[in-house]
N, C-alpha and C. Protein backbone atom coordinates (compact mmCIF):
# COMPACT_ATOMS: atom_id res chain seq x y z
N MET A 1 17.08 -2.36 -12.71
CA MET A 1 18.14 -2.48 -11.71
C MET A 1 17.67 -3.37 -10.57
N LYS A 2 18.37 -4.44 -10.32
CA LYS A 2 17.98 -5.35 -9.24
C LYS A 2 18.50 -4.80 -7.92
N THR A 3 17.63 -4.69 -6.95
CA THR A 3 17.96 -4.13 -5.65
C THR A 3 18.02 -5.22 -4.59
N ASN A 4 18.44 -4.86 -3.39
CA ASN A 4 18.47 -5.82 -2.29
C ASN A 4 17.07 -6.35 -1.99
N ALA A 5 16.09 -5.48 -2.12
CA ALA A 5 14.71 -5.91 -1.89
C ALA A 5 14.32 -7.01 -2.87
N ALA A 6 14.70 -6.85 -4.13
CA ALA A 6 14.41 -7.85 -5.15
C ALA A 6 15.16 -9.14 -4.87
N ARG A 7 16.38 -9.04 -4.40
CA ARG A 7 17.16 -10.24 -4.10
C ARG A 7 16.54 -11.03 -2.95
N ILE A 8 15.95 -10.32 -2.01
CA ILE A 8 15.26 -11.00 -0.90
C ILE A 8 14.09 -11.80 -1.44
N LEU A 9 13.35 -11.23 -2.38
CA LEU A 9 12.22 -11.95 -2.98
C LEU A 9 12.73 -13.15 -3.76
N ASP A 10 13.86 -13.01 -4.45
CA ASP A 10 14.46 -14.14 -5.16
C ASP A 10 14.76 -15.28 -4.19
N ALA A 11 15.34 -14.93 -3.06
CA ALA A 11 15.71 -15.95 -2.07
C ALA A 11 14.49 -16.65 -1.51
N LEU A 12 13.37 -15.94 -1.46
CA LEU A 12 12.13 -16.52 -0.95
C LEU A 12 11.36 -17.28 -2.03
N GLY A 13 11.83 -17.19 -3.26
CA GLY A 13 11.14 -17.87 -4.36
C GLY A 13 9.85 -17.19 -4.75
N ILE A 14 9.77 -15.89 -4.53
CA ILE A 14 8.55 -15.13 -4.81
C ILE A 14 8.64 -14.46 -6.17
N ARG A 15 7.58 -14.59 -6.93
CA ARG A 15 7.53 -14.00 -8.26
C ARG A 15 7.20 -12.52 -8.17
N TYR A 16 7.87 -11.71 -8.99
CA TYR A 16 7.64 -10.27 -8.99
C TYR A 16 8.10 -9.70 -10.33
N GLU A 17 7.85 -8.43 -10.52
CA GLU A 17 8.32 -7.72 -11.71
C GLU A 17 8.93 -6.40 -11.28
N LEU A 18 10.06 -6.05 -11.84
CA LEU A 18 10.65 -4.73 -11.61
C LEU A 18 10.22 -3.79 -12.72
N ARG A 19 9.74 -2.62 -12.33
CA ARG A 19 9.32 -1.64 -13.32
C ARG A 19 10.02 -0.31 -13.01
N GLU A 20 10.79 0.17 -13.96
CA GLU A 20 11.57 1.39 -13.76
C GLU A 20 10.82 2.61 -14.31
N TYR A 21 11.16 3.76 -13.79
CA TYR A 21 10.55 5.01 -14.22
C TYR A 21 11.56 6.14 -14.05
N GLU A 22 11.32 7.24 -14.74
CA GLU A 22 12.21 8.39 -14.65
C GLU A 22 11.91 9.17 -13.37
N VAL A 23 12.94 9.45 -12.62
CA VAL A 23 12.77 10.11 -11.32
C VAL A 23 12.82 11.63 -11.47
N ASP A 24 11.87 12.28 -10.84
CA ASP A 24 11.88 13.73 -10.69
C ASP A 24 12.08 14.02 -9.21
N PRO A 25 13.27 14.45 -8.80
CA PRO A 25 13.54 14.68 -7.36
C PRO A 25 12.59 15.67 -6.72
N ASP A 26 11.98 16.51 -7.54
CA ASP A 26 11.05 17.51 -7.01
C ASP A 26 9.62 17.01 -6.92
N ASP A 27 9.39 15.81 -7.42
CA ASP A 27 8.04 15.25 -7.38
C ASP A 27 8.13 13.74 -7.14
N LEU A 28 8.15 13.36 -5.88
CA LEU A 28 8.27 11.95 -5.50
C LEU A 28 6.93 11.38 -5.03
N ARG A 29 5.86 12.07 -5.33
CA ARG A 29 4.53 11.64 -4.89
C ARG A 29 4.15 10.29 -5.50
N ALA A 30 3.39 9.52 -4.74
CA ALA A 30 2.93 8.22 -5.22
C ALA A 30 2.07 8.38 -6.47
N GLU A 31 1.32 9.48 -6.54
CA GLU A 31 0.48 9.71 -7.72
C GLU A 31 1.33 9.81 -8.99
N SER A 32 2.46 10.48 -8.88
CA SER A 32 3.34 10.63 -10.03
C SER A 32 3.98 9.30 -10.42
N VAL A 33 4.41 8.54 -9.41
CA VAL A 33 5.00 7.22 -9.67
C VAL A 33 3.98 6.32 -10.35
N ALA A 34 2.75 6.35 -9.85
CA ALA A 34 1.69 5.51 -10.42
C ALA A 34 1.48 5.82 -11.90
N GLN A 35 1.45 7.09 -12.24
CA GLN A 35 1.25 7.49 -13.63
C GLN A 35 2.40 7.01 -14.51
N LYS A 36 3.60 7.08 -13.99
CA LYS A 36 4.79 6.71 -14.77
C LYS A 36 4.90 5.21 -15.00
N ILE A 37 4.40 4.40 -14.04
CA ILE A 37 4.51 2.95 -14.21
C ILE A 37 3.21 2.34 -14.74
N GLY A 38 2.19 3.17 -14.96
CA GLY A 38 0.97 2.69 -15.58
C GLY A 38 0.04 1.91 -14.69
N LEU A 39 -0.04 2.30 -13.42
CA LEU A 39 -0.97 1.67 -12.50
C LEU A 39 -1.86 2.72 -11.84
N PRO A 40 -3.07 2.35 -11.44
CA PRO A 40 -3.89 3.28 -10.67
C PRO A 40 -3.19 3.60 -9.35
N THR A 41 -3.38 4.79 -8.85
CA THR A 41 -2.68 5.22 -7.64
C THR A 41 -3.01 4.32 -6.45
N GLU A 42 -4.24 3.81 -6.40
CA GLU A 42 -4.62 2.97 -5.25
C GLU A 42 -3.91 1.62 -5.24
N GLN A 43 -3.25 1.26 -6.35
CA GLN A 43 -2.50 0.01 -6.40
C GLN A 43 -1.01 0.23 -6.14
N VAL A 44 -0.61 1.49 -6.01
CA VAL A 44 0.78 1.81 -5.69
C VAL A 44 0.84 2.16 -4.20
N PHE A 45 1.43 1.27 -3.42
CA PHE A 45 1.45 1.44 -1.97
C PHE A 45 2.74 2.11 -1.52
N LYS A 46 2.58 3.10 -0.65
CA LYS A 46 3.74 3.82 -0.12
C LYS A 46 4.06 3.31 1.29
N THR A 47 5.34 3.30 1.60
CA THR A 47 5.81 2.79 2.88
C THR A 47 6.23 3.95 3.76
N LEU A 48 5.54 4.12 4.87
CA LEU A 48 5.82 5.21 5.80
C LEU A 48 6.46 4.65 7.07
N VAL A 49 7.22 5.49 7.74
CA VAL A 49 7.88 5.08 8.98
C VAL A 49 7.23 5.85 10.13
N ALA A 50 6.78 5.12 11.13
CA ALA A 50 6.09 5.73 12.27
C ALA A 50 6.72 5.25 13.58
N ARG A 51 6.35 5.94 14.65
CA ARG A 51 6.85 5.55 15.97
C ARG A 51 5.72 5.64 16.99
N GLY A 52 5.52 4.57 17.72
CA GLY A 52 4.51 4.55 18.76
C GLY A 52 5.10 4.79 20.13
N ASP A 53 4.26 5.24 21.06
CA ASP A 53 4.76 5.57 22.39
C ASP A 53 5.05 4.32 23.23
N ARG A 54 4.55 3.18 22.81
CA ARG A 54 4.78 1.93 23.55
C ARG A 54 5.65 0.94 22.78
N LYS A 55 5.35 0.74 21.53
CA LYS A 55 6.01 -0.31 20.74
C LYS A 55 7.18 0.19 19.91
N GLY A 56 7.32 1.49 19.78
CA GLY A 56 8.45 2.03 19.03
C GLY A 56 8.21 2.12 17.54
N VAL A 57 9.29 1.99 16.76
CA VAL A 57 9.25 2.22 15.32
C VAL A 57 8.53 1.09 14.60
N CYS A 58 7.79 1.45 13.56
CA CYS A 58 7.11 0.47 12.72
C CYS A 58 6.97 1.02 11.31
N PHE A 59 6.66 0.13 10.38
CA PHE A 59 6.35 0.52 9.01
C PHE A 59 4.83 0.53 8.84
N ALA A 60 4.33 1.50 8.09
CA ALA A 60 2.91 1.57 7.74
C ALA A 60 2.82 1.65 6.22
N VAL A 61 2.13 0.71 5.62
CA VAL A 61 2.04 0.62 4.16
C VAL A 61 0.61 0.91 3.74
N VAL A 62 0.42 2.00 3.01
CA VAL A 62 -0.92 2.45 2.65
C VAL A 62 -0.99 2.80 1.17
N PRO A 63 -2.19 2.82 0.58
CA PRO A 63 -2.34 3.18 -0.84
C PRO A 63 -1.82 4.58 -1.13
N GLY A 64 -1.34 4.78 -2.34
CA GLY A 64 -0.78 6.06 -2.73
C GLY A 64 -1.76 7.21 -2.73
N ASN A 65 -3.05 6.91 -2.82
CA ASN A 65 -4.05 7.97 -2.86
C ASN A 65 -4.67 8.23 -1.49
N ALA A 66 -4.05 7.68 -0.45
CA ALA A 66 -4.63 7.79 0.89
C ALA A 66 -3.62 8.36 1.87
N GLN A 67 -4.14 8.75 3.02
CA GLN A 67 -3.32 9.21 4.13
C GLN A 67 -3.27 8.11 5.18
N LEU A 68 -2.28 8.19 6.04
CA LEU A 68 -2.19 7.24 7.15
C LEU A 68 -3.10 7.69 8.27
N ASP A 69 -3.94 6.79 8.72
CA ASP A 69 -4.83 7.05 9.86
C ASP A 69 -4.04 6.71 11.13
N LEU A 70 -3.52 7.71 11.79
CA LEU A 70 -2.64 7.50 12.94
C LEU A 70 -3.36 6.83 14.11
N LYS A 71 -4.60 7.19 14.32
CA LYS A 71 -5.36 6.57 15.42
C LYS A 71 -5.59 5.09 15.16
N ALA A 72 -5.91 4.77 13.91
CA ALA A 72 -6.13 3.37 13.56
C ALA A 72 -4.84 2.57 13.67
N LEU A 73 -3.73 3.17 13.27
CA LEU A 73 -2.45 2.49 13.38
C LEU A 73 -2.09 2.26 14.84
N ALA A 74 -2.33 3.24 15.68
CA ALA A 74 -2.04 3.09 17.11
C ALA A 74 -2.84 1.93 17.70
N LYS A 75 -4.09 1.84 17.33
CA LYS A 75 -4.94 0.75 17.83
C LYS A 75 -4.43 -0.60 17.37
N LEU A 76 -4.01 -0.68 16.10
CA LEU A 76 -3.54 -1.94 15.54
C LEU A 76 -2.18 -2.34 16.11
N SER A 77 -1.33 -1.36 16.37
CA SER A 77 0.02 -1.65 16.84
C SER A 77 0.12 -1.84 18.35
N GLY A 78 -0.94 -1.48 19.07
CA GLY A 78 -0.91 -1.61 20.52
C GLY A 78 -0.32 -0.40 21.22
N ASP A 79 -0.31 0.73 20.53
CA ASP A 79 0.20 1.98 21.10
C ASP A 79 -0.97 2.87 21.52
N ARG A 80 -0.66 3.80 22.41
CA ARG A 80 -1.67 4.81 22.76
C ARG A 80 -1.65 5.95 21.74
N LYS A 81 -0.44 6.23 21.25
CA LYS A 81 -0.28 7.31 20.29
C LYS A 81 0.82 6.95 19.31
N VAL A 82 0.61 7.30 18.04
CA VAL A 82 1.58 7.05 16.99
C VAL A 82 1.72 8.30 16.13
N ASP A 83 2.94 8.54 15.66
CA ASP A 83 3.14 9.63 14.71
C ASP A 83 4.23 9.22 13.73
N THR A 84 4.21 9.81 12.54
CA THR A 84 5.27 9.52 11.58
C THR A 84 6.57 10.15 12.08
N VAL A 85 7.69 9.54 11.75
CA VAL A 85 8.97 10.06 12.20
C VAL A 85 9.39 11.23 11.31
N PRO A 86 10.19 12.15 11.80
CA PRO A 86 10.69 13.25 10.96
C PRO A 86 11.49 12.70 9.79
N LEU A 87 11.46 13.39 8.67
CA LEU A 87 12.14 12.95 7.46
C LEU A 87 13.62 12.69 7.71
N LYS A 88 14.25 13.49 8.55
CA LYS A 88 15.68 13.34 8.80
C LYS A 88 16.02 12.02 9.50
N GLU A 89 15.02 11.36 10.09
CA GLU A 89 15.26 10.09 10.78
C GLU A 89 15.02 8.88 9.89
N VAL A 90 14.39 9.08 8.74
CA VAL A 90 14.01 7.95 7.90
C VAL A 90 15.21 7.14 7.43
N GLN A 91 16.21 7.80 6.90
CA GLN A 91 17.38 7.08 6.39
C GLN A 91 18.18 6.40 7.51
N PRO A 92 18.45 7.07 8.64
CA PRO A 92 19.15 6.38 9.72
C PRO A 92 18.40 5.15 10.24
N LEU A 93 17.07 5.21 10.23
CA LEU A 93 16.27 4.10 10.74
C LEU A 93 16.15 2.95 9.75
N THR A 94 16.04 3.28 8.47
CA THR A 94 15.73 2.25 7.45
C THR A 94 16.88 1.96 6.49
N GLY A 95 17.78 2.92 6.31
CA GLY A 95 18.81 2.76 5.29
C GLY A 95 18.36 3.24 3.93
N TYR A 96 17.13 3.72 3.84
CA TYR A 96 16.57 4.19 2.57
C TYR A 96 16.28 5.68 2.62
N ILE A 97 16.32 6.32 1.45
CA ILE A 97 16.00 7.73 1.37
C ILE A 97 14.56 7.91 0.91
N ARG A 98 14.04 9.11 1.12
CA ARG A 98 12.67 9.42 0.71
C ARG A 98 12.48 9.12 -0.77
N GLY A 99 11.38 8.46 -1.09
CA GLY A 99 11.11 8.08 -2.47
C GLY A 99 11.62 6.69 -2.79
N GLY A 100 12.33 6.07 -1.83
CA GLY A 100 12.85 4.73 -2.06
C GLY A 100 12.70 3.84 -0.84
N VAL A 101 11.84 4.24 0.08
CA VAL A 101 11.66 3.47 1.32
C VAL A 101 10.82 2.22 1.06
N THR A 102 11.30 1.11 1.55
CA THR A 102 10.55 -0.14 1.44
C THR A 102 10.85 -1.00 2.65
N VAL A 103 10.00 -1.93 2.95
CA VAL A 103 10.19 -2.82 4.10
C VAL A 103 11.32 -3.81 3.82
N LEU A 104 11.33 -4.35 2.62
CA LEU A 104 12.29 -5.38 2.24
C LEU A 104 13.71 -4.83 2.24
N GLY A 105 14.60 -5.47 2.97
CA GLY A 105 15.99 -5.05 2.99
C GLY A 105 16.28 -3.84 3.83
N ALA A 106 15.34 -3.45 4.67
CA ALA A 106 15.56 -2.29 5.53
C ALA A 106 16.68 -2.57 6.52
N LYS A 107 17.25 -1.51 7.04
CA LYS A 107 18.40 -1.60 7.95
C LYS A 107 18.09 -2.46 9.17
N LYS A 108 16.86 -2.42 9.61
CA LYS A 108 16.43 -3.17 10.78
C LYS A 108 15.01 -3.66 10.55
N GLU A 109 14.69 -4.80 11.14
CA GLU A 109 13.32 -5.32 11.02
C GLU A 109 12.42 -4.64 12.05
N TYR A 110 11.40 -3.99 11.53
CA TYR A 110 10.39 -3.37 12.38
C TYR A 110 9.05 -4.03 12.09
N PRO A 111 8.10 -3.94 13.02
CA PRO A 111 6.75 -4.45 12.73
C PRO A 111 6.19 -3.76 11.49
N VAL A 112 5.43 -4.51 10.70
CA VAL A 112 4.88 -3.98 9.45
C VAL A 112 3.37 -4.06 9.49
N PHE A 113 2.71 -2.94 9.27
CA PHE A 113 1.25 -2.87 9.26
C PHE A 113 0.82 -2.38 7.88
N VAL A 114 -0.09 -3.13 7.26
CA VAL A 114 -0.48 -2.88 5.88
C VAL A 114 -1.99 -2.64 5.81
N ASP A 115 -2.37 -1.61 5.08
CA ASP A 115 -3.81 -1.34 4.96
C ASP A 115 -4.52 -2.50 4.25
N GLU A 116 -5.68 -2.84 4.74
CA GLU A 116 -6.41 -4.02 4.28
C GLU A 116 -6.86 -3.94 2.82
N THR A 117 -6.88 -2.75 2.23
CA THR A 117 -7.29 -2.64 0.83
C THR A 117 -6.29 -3.30 -0.11
N ILE A 118 -5.13 -3.65 0.38
CA ILE A 118 -4.15 -4.33 -0.47
C ILE A 118 -4.70 -5.65 -1.00
N GLU A 119 -5.60 -6.25 -0.25
CA GLU A 119 -6.15 -7.55 -0.62
C GLU A 119 -7.16 -7.47 -1.76
N LEU A 120 -7.49 -6.28 -2.18
CA LEU A 120 -8.48 -6.11 -3.24
C LEU A 120 -7.90 -6.32 -4.63
N PHE A 121 -6.59 -6.34 -4.74
CA PHE A 121 -5.95 -6.35 -6.05
C PHE A 121 -5.19 -7.64 -6.32
N GLU A 122 -5.04 -7.95 -7.59
CA GLU A 122 -4.23 -9.10 -7.98
C GLU A 122 -2.76 -8.76 -7.96
N VAL A 123 -2.43 -7.50 -8.13
CA VAL A 123 -1.04 -7.06 -8.09
C VAL A 123 -0.98 -5.64 -7.54
N VAL A 124 0.05 -5.37 -6.75
CA VAL A 124 0.28 -4.03 -6.23
C VAL A 124 1.73 -3.67 -6.48
N SER A 125 2.04 -2.40 -6.29
CA SER A 125 3.40 -1.92 -6.49
C SER A 125 3.92 -1.31 -5.20
N VAL A 126 5.16 -1.63 -4.87
CA VAL A 126 5.86 -1.01 -3.73
C VAL A 126 7.25 -0.61 -4.20
N SER A 127 7.89 0.27 -3.47
CA SER A 127 9.24 0.67 -3.84
C SER A 127 10.19 -0.52 -3.78
N ALA A 128 11.13 -0.55 -4.70
CA ALA A 128 12.14 -1.61 -4.72
C ALA A 128 13.33 -1.25 -3.86
N GLY A 129 13.26 -0.12 -3.16
CA GLY A 129 14.36 0.29 -2.30
C GLY A 129 15.28 1.30 -2.95
N ALA A 130 14.89 1.79 -4.11
CA ALA A 130 15.68 2.81 -4.82
C ALA A 130 14.73 3.67 -5.64
N ARG A 131 14.98 4.93 -5.68
CA ARG A 131 14.17 5.80 -6.53
C ARG A 131 14.29 5.34 -7.98
N GLY A 132 13.16 5.31 -8.65
CA GLY A 132 13.17 4.95 -10.06
C GLY A 132 12.87 3.49 -10.34
N THR A 133 12.66 2.70 -9.30
CA THR A 133 12.35 1.28 -9.50
C THR A 133 11.25 0.85 -8.54
N GLN A 134 10.22 0.22 -9.08
CA GLN A 134 9.11 -0.31 -8.30
C GLN A 134 9.04 -1.83 -8.45
N ILE A 135 8.56 -2.48 -7.43
CA ILE A 135 8.31 -3.92 -7.46
C ILE A 135 6.82 -4.14 -7.63
N LEU A 136 6.43 -4.91 -8.64
CA LEU A 136 5.05 -5.34 -8.81
C LEU A 136 4.95 -6.76 -8.28
N ILE A 137 4.00 -6.98 -7.39
CA ILE A 137 3.95 -8.24 -6.67
C ILE A 137 2.52 -8.55 -6.27
N ALA A 138 2.21 -9.83 -6.13
CA ALA A 138 0.89 -10.23 -5.64
C ALA A 138 0.80 -9.90 -4.14
N PRO A 139 -0.32 -9.33 -3.69
CA PRO A 139 -0.45 -8.94 -2.28
C PRO A 139 -0.13 -10.05 -1.29
N ALA A 140 -0.60 -11.25 -1.54
CA ALA A 140 -0.34 -12.35 -0.61
C ALA A 140 1.15 -12.64 -0.49
N ASP A 141 1.86 -12.54 -1.61
CA ASP A 141 3.30 -12.75 -1.58
C ASP A 141 4.02 -11.64 -0.83
N TYR A 142 3.55 -10.42 -1.03
CA TYR A 142 4.16 -9.29 -0.32
C TYR A 142 3.95 -9.44 1.18
N LEU A 143 2.74 -9.76 1.57
CA LEU A 143 2.45 -9.90 3.00
C LEU A 143 3.27 -11.02 3.63
N ARG A 144 3.46 -12.08 2.89
CA ARG A 144 4.29 -13.18 3.39
C ARG A 144 5.74 -12.76 3.53
N ALA A 145 6.23 -12.02 2.55
CA ALA A 145 7.64 -11.61 2.56
C ALA A 145 7.96 -10.65 3.70
N VAL A 146 7.03 -9.74 3.99
CA VAL A 146 7.30 -8.73 5.02
C VAL A 146 6.68 -9.09 6.36
N ARG A 147 5.95 -10.21 6.39
CA ARG A 147 5.25 -10.65 7.60
C ARG A 147 4.36 -9.52 8.14
N GLY A 148 3.57 -8.98 7.22
CA GLY A 148 2.74 -7.83 7.55
C GLY A 148 1.45 -8.19 8.27
N THR A 149 1.01 -7.27 9.09
CA THR A 149 -0.27 -7.38 9.79
C THR A 149 -1.28 -6.48 9.08
N ILE A 150 -2.41 -7.06 8.72
CA ILE A 150 -3.44 -6.34 7.97
C ILE A 150 -4.37 -5.58 8.91
N GLY A 151 -4.76 -4.38 8.48
CA GLY A 151 -5.74 -3.62 9.25
C GLY A 151 -6.17 -2.38 8.48
N GLY A 152 -7.22 -1.75 8.95
CA GLY A 152 -7.72 -0.54 8.30
C GLY A 152 -6.96 0.68 8.79
N ILE A 153 -5.85 1.00 8.14
CA ILE A 153 -5.00 2.10 8.62
C ILE A 153 -4.92 3.26 7.63
N ALA A 154 -5.72 3.22 6.57
CA ALA A 154 -5.69 4.28 5.57
C ALA A 154 -6.95 5.13 5.64
N ALA A 155 -6.80 6.39 5.30
CA ALA A 155 -7.93 7.31 5.25
C ALA A 155 -7.74 8.24 4.08
N GLU A 156 -8.85 8.76 3.56
CA GLU A 156 -8.79 9.72 2.46
C GLU A 156 -9.59 10.94 2.86
N GLY A 157 -8.91 12.07 2.87
CA GLY A 157 -9.59 13.31 3.26
C GLY A 157 -10.06 13.30 4.69
N GLY A 158 -9.36 12.53 5.55
CA GLY A 158 -9.70 12.48 6.96
C GLY A 158 -10.75 11.45 7.30
N ALA A 159 -11.32 10.77 6.29
CA ALA A 159 -12.34 9.76 6.54
C ALA A 159 -11.79 8.38 6.21
N PRO A 160 -12.26 7.32 6.89
CA PRO A 160 -11.79 5.97 6.58
C PRO A 160 -11.96 5.65 5.11
N LEU A 161 -11.01 4.92 4.56
CA LEU A 161 -11.03 4.61 3.14
C LEU A 161 -12.12 3.61 2.80
N ARG A 162 -12.48 2.76 3.76
CA ARG A 162 -13.46 1.73 3.50
C ARG A 162 -14.88 2.24 3.70
N LEU A 163 -15.82 1.61 3.03
CA LEU A 163 -17.24 1.93 3.21
C LEU A 163 -17.91 0.74 3.88
N ASP A 164 -18.71 0.99 4.91
CA ASP A 164 -19.34 -0.10 5.65
C ASP A 164 -20.74 -0.41 5.16
N SER A 165 -21.19 0.29 4.15
CA SER A 165 -22.52 0.02 3.64
C SER A 165 -22.50 0.09 2.14
N GLY A 166 -23.58 -0.38 1.52
CA GLY A 166 -23.68 -0.26 0.08
C GLY A 166 -23.91 -1.58 -0.63
N LEU A 167 -23.59 -2.69 0.00
CA LEU A 167 -23.80 -3.99 -0.63
C LEU A 167 -24.71 -4.87 0.23
N PRO A 168 -25.73 -5.45 -0.35
CA PRO A 168 -26.55 -6.39 0.38
C PRO A 168 -25.74 -7.63 0.75
N PRO A 169 -26.10 -8.34 1.82
CA PRO A 169 -25.37 -9.55 2.23
C PRO A 169 -25.24 -10.57 1.11
N THR A 170 -26.23 -10.62 0.20
CA THR A 170 -26.22 -11.58 -0.89
C THR A 170 -24.99 -11.41 -1.78
N PHE A 171 -24.48 -10.17 -1.88
CA PHE A 171 -23.39 -9.88 -2.80
C PHE A 171 -22.01 -10.05 -2.19
N ARG A 172 -21.92 -10.38 -0.92
CA ARG A 172 -20.62 -10.49 -0.30
C ARG A 172 -19.83 -11.63 -0.94
N GLY A 173 -18.56 -11.34 -1.24
CA GLY A 173 -17.73 -12.34 -1.88
C GLY A 173 -17.83 -12.32 -3.39
N LEU A 174 -18.60 -11.35 -3.94
CA LEU A 174 -18.76 -11.26 -5.39
C LEU A 174 -18.16 -9.95 -5.89
N TRP A 175 -18.25 -9.73 -7.20
CA TRP A 175 -17.83 -8.47 -7.81
C TRP A 175 -19.06 -7.80 -8.42
N PRO A 176 -19.99 -7.28 -7.64
CA PRO A 176 -21.20 -6.69 -8.21
C PRO A 176 -20.94 -5.32 -8.84
N ILE A 177 -21.71 -5.04 -9.86
CA ILE A 177 -21.63 -3.73 -10.48
C ILE A 177 -22.61 -2.81 -9.76
N ALA A 178 -22.13 -1.64 -9.36
CA ALA A 178 -22.98 -0.70 -8.63
C ALA A 178 -23.21 0.54 -9.48
N THR A 179 -24.10 1.37 -9.03
CA THR A 179 -24.39 2.61 -9.75
C THR A 179 -23.29 3.62 -9.53
N PRO A 180 -22.77 4.24 -10.59
CA PRO A 180 -21.71 5.25 -10.42
C PRO A 180 -22.18 6.38 -9.51
N SER A 181 -21.24 6.91 -8.73
CA SER A 181 -21.57 7.99 -7.82
C SER A 181 -20.51 9.06 -7.88
N THR A 182 -20.91 10.30 -7.89
CA THR A 182 -19.96 11.41 -7.87
C THR A 182 -20.03 12.15 -6.55
N GLU A 183 -20.83 11.63 -5.62
CA GLU A 183 -21.02 12.32 -4.36
C GLU A 183 -19.93 11.99 -3.35
N ARG A 184 -19.29 10.82 -3.49
CA ARG A 184 -18.26 10.42 -2.55
C ARG A 184 -16.91 10.47 -3.24
N PRO A 185 -15.88 10.98 -2.55
CA PRO A 185 -14.57 11.14 -3.19
C PRO A 185 -13.93 9.83 -3.60
N TYR A 186 -14.33 8.70 -2.99
CA TYR A 186 -13.68 7.44 -3.33
C TYR A 186 -14.67 6.42 -3.87
N ALA A 187 -15.86 6.88 -4.24
CA ALA A 187 -16.84 5.96 -4.81
C ALA A 187 -16.51 5.71 -6.27
N SER A 188 -17.00 4.59 -6.83
CA SER A 188 -16.72 4.24 -8.22
C SER A 188 -17.81 3.34 -8.75
N PRO A 189 -17.80 3.07 -10.06
CA PRO A 189 -18.84 2.24 -10.64
C PRO A 189 -18.79 0.79 -10.21
N VAL A 190 -17.66 0.33 -9.69
CA VAL A 190 -17.51 -1.09 -9.37
C VAL A 190 -17.19 -1.29 -7.90
N TYR A 191 -17.88 -2.21 -7.27
CA TYR A 191 -17.57 -2.58 -5.90
C TYR A 191 -16.95 -3.97 -5.91
N PHE A 192 -15.69 -4.02 -5.56
CA PHE A 192 -14.97 -5.29 -5.55
C PHE A 192 -15.01 -5.81 -4.13
N ALA A 193 -15.82 -6.86 -3.88
CA ALA A 193 -16.11 -7.26 -2.51
C ALA A 193 -15.60 -8.64 -2.17
N ALA A 194 -14.49 -9.03 -2.70
CA ALA A 194 -13.94 -10.35 -2.40
C ALA A 194 -13.54 -10.46 -0.94
N PHE A 195 -13.11 -9.33 -0.34
CA PHE A 195 -12.68 -9.35 1.04
C PHE A 195 -13.45 -8.36 1.90
N HIS A 196 -13.67 -7.15 1.35
CA HIS A 196 -14.34 -6.11 2.10
C HIS A 196 -15.29 -5.38 1.17
N ARG A 197 -16.23 -4.69 1.76
CA ARG A 197 -17.12 -3.89 0.92
C ARG A 197 -16.44 -2.55 0.65
N VAL A 198 -15.51 -2.58 -0.29
CA VAL A 198 -14.70 -1.41 -0.59
C VAL A 198 -14.78 -1.11 -2.07
N PRO A 199 -14.98 0.14 -2.47
CA PRO A 199 -15.05 0.46 -3.89
C PRO A 199 -13.68 0.53 -4.54
N CYS A 200 -13.58 0.10 -5.79
CA CYS A 200 -12.35 0.20 -6.56
C CYS A 200 -12.64 0.92 -7.86
N ARG A 201 -11.60 1.36 -8.54
CA ARG A 201 -11.78 2.11 -9.78
C ARG A 201 -12.51 1.28 -10.83
N SER A 202 -11.98 0.12 -11.13
CA SER A 202 -12.65 -0.75 -12.07
C SER A 202 -12.05 -2.12 -12.05
N VAL A 203 -12.89 -3.14 -12.21
CA VAL A 203 -12.41 -4.51 -12.25
C VAL A 203 -11.50 -4.70 -13.45
N GLN A 204 -11.83 -4.04 -14.57
CA GLN A 204 -11.01 -4.18 -15.76
C GLN A 204 -9.59 -3.69 -15.51
N THR A 205 -9.46 -2.59 -14.79
CA THR A 205 -8.14 -2.05 -14.49
C THR A 205 -7.34 -3.03 -13.66
N ILE A 206 -7.97 -3.60 -12.64
CA ILE A 206 -7.28 -4.56 -11.78
C ILE A 206 -6.82 -5.75 -12.58
N ARG A 207 -7.70 -6.29 -13.40
CA ARG A 207 -7.35 -7.47 -14.17
C ARG A 207 -6.24 -7.20 -15.17
N SER A 208 -6.24 -6.01 -15.75
CA SER A 208 -5.27 -5.71 -16.80
C SER A 208 -3.85 -5.63 -16.27
N HIS A 209 -3.72 -5.45 -14.95
CA HIS A 209 -2.40 -5.34 -14.38
C HIS A 209 -2.03 -6.56 -13.54
N SER A 210 -2.67 -7.67 -13.82
CA SER A 210 -2.34 -8.91 -13.12
C SER A 210 -1.01 -9.43 -13.59
N LEU A 211 -0.26 -10.08 -12.69
CA LEU A 211 1.01 -10.68 -13.05
C LEU A 211 0.82 -11.98 -13.81
N ARG A 212 -0.40 -12.51 -13.77
CA ARG A 212 -0.64 -13.80 -14.41
C ARG A 212 -0.70 -13.66 -15.93
């Protein structure tokens, strides 16, 4: 099903893929969507609506396996304090219902802040603006389309999603293989360091879901 979000990408000349899935109204979690469309959860980005005390409403786009770091978002957006808006306000603000919120085609243009881990992948998934349909798109194209600002706004289990140590300077900009670890909740056998020293599930997984 082609949505308004997809039509906006068409108008911009941006390549994408629509991937549909069966909707369970009782389970709209990003983890479930990821399983249904065949992508790792960290490549399925969810769009949250937040409000700052200075700048007002904004979109926050973070990986499906992460939480929004409100303090980090406030710092990035120029607010002193930020919080997600109540669910009852989401549709009036965006025109979208829970499980189908996306930046593209929203009722009003708000500032868009995207977690920096989006740059680790060749393709990511975001809602197409309707439950049951996801857009698969290259991160650079998505950022261009939504005019997003990149920053570290995601956390897992209350801790920042990124790791600041683990790779020698020699390996920066490469895809080095690291030793598997079970001690950290987000550690993995592969460190994909093209942009940041951040662990990913596997290079093979990322490559297998490329749009190319």
